[in-house]
Structure formats: C-alpha cells, structure tokens
Amino acid sequence: MLSNSHHHVNPANEAERTLLESLIREDFERCHPGETLDDVKRRASFSKEDKGLLRDWMAVAARRAAAEQEALPARLAA
C-alpha cells in the first residue's frame, strides 16, 4: 500500500484507537517477525519510516472497521 502523507486515520478517542489496533495487531506481527505494533508506535514519534508504516497499517484497520460496520446490518437482519 502506498503512503499518502495527506491521508491520516485519526481515531476519535483511545477506545477507537484500541479497536483499530486490535484489527491489525496479529497481521502486523506476522508480517514483521520480532517486532510488535507497540514497538512501531513508540518509534513513530521520531522515525518518519515508522510513522509511515504505522499510518499505512492504521489505514488497513480503518478499512477493516468500515467493512465490519457494513456487514453488521446484514447480520442483524438475518
């Protein structure tokens, strides 16, 4: 996924951030053996590479959350 420095996922609160991170944590750690999402979050404050990596993964999380929201009404109707 290409980074776009003008598109950021800004969770409304800590609960939303925790939810988004839960949607990507396992996949992130599988793709980056030996690293955790928390490692990247810590380094993102001083590393533009890690900031971009975190931004990209949070965009994935936002898409996953949106897909889950879209699927929710269909599950309730069944």
C-alpha atoms as a PDB file:
ATOM      1  CA  MET A   1       0.000   0.000   0.000  1.00  0.00           C
ATOM      2  CA  LEU A   2       1.382   3.399  -0.913  1.00  0.00           C
ATOM      3  CA  SER A   3       1.551   6.068   1.740  1.00  0.00           C
ATOM      4  CA  ASN A   4      -0.240   9.341   1.293  1.00  0.00           C
ATOM      5  CA  SER A   5       1.031  11.880   3.782  1.00  0.00           C
ATOM      6  CA  HIS A   6      -2.212  13.839   3.459  1.00  0.00           C
ATOM      7  CA  HIS A   7      -4.459  10.938   4.495  1.00  0.00           C
ATOM      8  CA  HIS A   8      -4.355  10.045   8.174  1.00  0.00           C
ATOM      9  CA  VAL A   9      -6.586   7.905  10.326  1.00  0.00           C
ATOM     10  CA  ASN A  10      -7.326   9.932  13.431  1.00  0.00           C
ATOM     11  CA  PRO A  11      -9.244   7.849  15.958  1.00  0.00           C
ATOM     12  CA  ALA A  12     -11.802   9.887  17.889  1.00  0.00           C
ATOM     13  CA  ASN A  13     -10.663   8.514  21.241  1.00  0.00           C
ATOM     14  CA  GLU A  14      -8.482   5.899  22.899  1.00  0.00           C
ATOM     15  CA  ALA A  15     -11.227   3.257  22.686  1.00  0.00           C
ATOM     16  CA  GLU A  16     -11.419   3.651  18.919  1.00  0.00           C
ATOM     17  CA  ARG A  17      -7.608   3.514  18.640  1.00  0.00           C
ATOM     18  CA  THR A  18      -7.585   0.301  20.678  1.00  0.00           C
ATOM     19  CA  LEU A  19     -10.281  -1.200  18.447  1.00  0.00           C
ATOM     20  CA  LEU A  20      -8.424  -0.289  15.249  1.00  0.00           C
ATOM     21  CA  GLU A  21      -5.156  -1.668  16.589  1.00  0.00           C
ATOM     22  CA  SER A  22      -6.870  -4.925  17.543  1.00  0.00           C
ATOM     23  CA  LEU A  23      -7.919  -5.366  13.913  1.00  0.00           C
ATOM     24  CA  ILE A  24      -4.325  -5.300  12.654  1.00  0.00           C
ATOM     25  CA  ARG A  25      -2.120  -6.406  15.547  1.00  0.00           C
ATOM     26  CA  GLU A  26      -1.925 -10.111  14.640  1.00  0.00           C
ATOM     27  CA  ASP A  27      -1.334  -9.489  10.924  1.00  0.00           C
ATOM     28  CA  PHE A  28       1.257  -6.812  11.646  1.00  0.00           C
ATOM     29  CA  GLU A  29       3.248  -9.098  13.915  1.00  0.00           C
ATOM     30  CA  ARG A  30       3.054 -11.934  11.384  1.00  0.00           C
ATOM     31  CA  CYS A  31       4.385  -9.645   8.643  1.00  0.00           C
ATOM     32  CA  HIS A  32       7.100  -8.168  10.888  1.00  0.00           C
ATOM     33  CA  PRO A  33       8.568 -11.053  12.939  1.00  0.00           C
ATOM     34  CA  GLY A  34      10.391  -9.921  16.046  1.00  0.00           C
ATOM     35  CA  GLU A  35       8.519  -6.609  16.165  1.00  0.00           C
ATOM     36  CA  THR A  36       5.289  -5.601  17.794  1.00  0.00           C
ATOM     37  CA  LEU A  37       2.825  -2.911  16.881  1.00  0.00           C
ATOM     38  CA  ASP A  38       3.752  -1.203  20.143  1.00  0.00           C
ATOM     39  CA  ASP A  39       7.423  -1.091  19.039  1.00  0.00           C
ATOM     40  CA  VAL A  40       6.452   0.779  15.883  1.00  0.00           C
ATOM     41  CA  LYS A  41       4.122   3.101  17.786  1.00  0.00           C
ATOM     42  CA  ARG A  42       6.988   4.092  20.105  1.00  0.00           C
ATOM     43  CA  ARG A  43       9.420   4.694  17.241  1.00  0.00           C
ATOM     44  CA  ALA A  44       6.891   6.592  15.108  1.00  0.00           C
ATOM     45  CA  SER A  45       7.398   9.733  17.186  1.00  0.00           C
ATOM     46  CA  PHE A  46      10.965  10.103  15.888  1.00  0.00           C
ATOM     47  CA  SER A  47      11.157   7.929  12.757  1.00  0.00           C
ATOM     48  CA  LYS A  48       9.430   9.006   9.561  1.00  0.00           C
ATOM     49  CA  GLU A  49       9.690   5.454   8.230  1.00  0.00           C
ATOM     50  CA  ASP A  50       7.897   4.012  11.249  1.00  0.00           C
ATOM     51  CA  LYS A  51       5.381   6.857  11.174  1.00  0.00           C
ATOM     52  CA  GLY A  52       4.556   5.944   7.570  1.00  0.00           C
ATOM     53  CA  LEU A  53       4.397   2.240   8.388  1.00  0.00           C
ATOM     54  CA  LEU A  54       2.023   2.889  11.280  1.00  0.00           C
ATOM     55  CA  ARG A  55      -0.086   5.214   9.104  1.00  0.00           C
ATOM     56  CA  ASP A  56      -0.403   2.527   6.428  1.00  0.00           C
ATOM     57  CA  TRP A  57      -1.405  -0.158   8.915  1.00  0.00           C
ATOM     58  CA  MET A  58      -3.940   2.148  10.580  1.00  0.00           C
ATOM     59  CA  ALA A  59      -5.454   2.769   7.132  1.00  0.00           C
ATOM     60  CA  VAL A  60      -5.859  -1.002   6.781  1.00  0.00           C
ATOM     61  CA  ALA A  61      -7.501  -1.077  10.217  1.00  0.00           C
ATOM     62  CA  ALA A  62      -9.911   1.702   9.244  1.00  0.00           C
ATOM     63  CA  ARG A  63     -10.915  -0.196   6.102  1.00  0.00           C
ATOM     64  CA  ARG A  64     -11.460  -3.361   8.117  1.00  0.00           C
ATOM     65  CA  ALA A  65     -13.583  -1.475  10.652  1.00  0.00           C
ATOM     66  CA  ALA A  66     -15.667   0.046   7.849  1.00  0.00           C
ATOM     67  CA  ALA A  67     -16.187  -3.384   6.285  1.00  0.00           C
ATOM     68  CA  GLU A  68     -17.312  -4.770   9.649  1.00  0.00           C
ATOM     69  CA  GLN A  69     -19.751  -1.871  10.060  1.00  0.00           C
ATOM     70  CA  GLU A  70     -21.194  -2.525   6.593  1.00  0.00           C
ATOM     71  CA  ALA A  71     -21.625  -6.216   7.378  1.00  0.00           C
ATOM     72  CA  LEU A  72     -23.303  -5.560  10.735  1.00  0.00           C
ATOM     73  CA  PRO A  73     -26.782  -4.590   9.409  1.00  0.00           C
ATOM     74  CA  ALA A  74     -26.802  -7.682   7.179  1.00  0.00           C
ATOM     75  CA  ARG A  75     -26.063  -9.922  10.175  1.00  0.00           C
ATOM     76  CA  LEU A  76     -28.772  -8.253  12.267  1.00  0.00           C
ATOM     77  CA  ALA A  77     -31.373  -8.709   9.534  1.00  0.00           C
ATOM     78  CA  ALA A  78     -30.714 -12.436   9.201  1.00  0.00           C
END
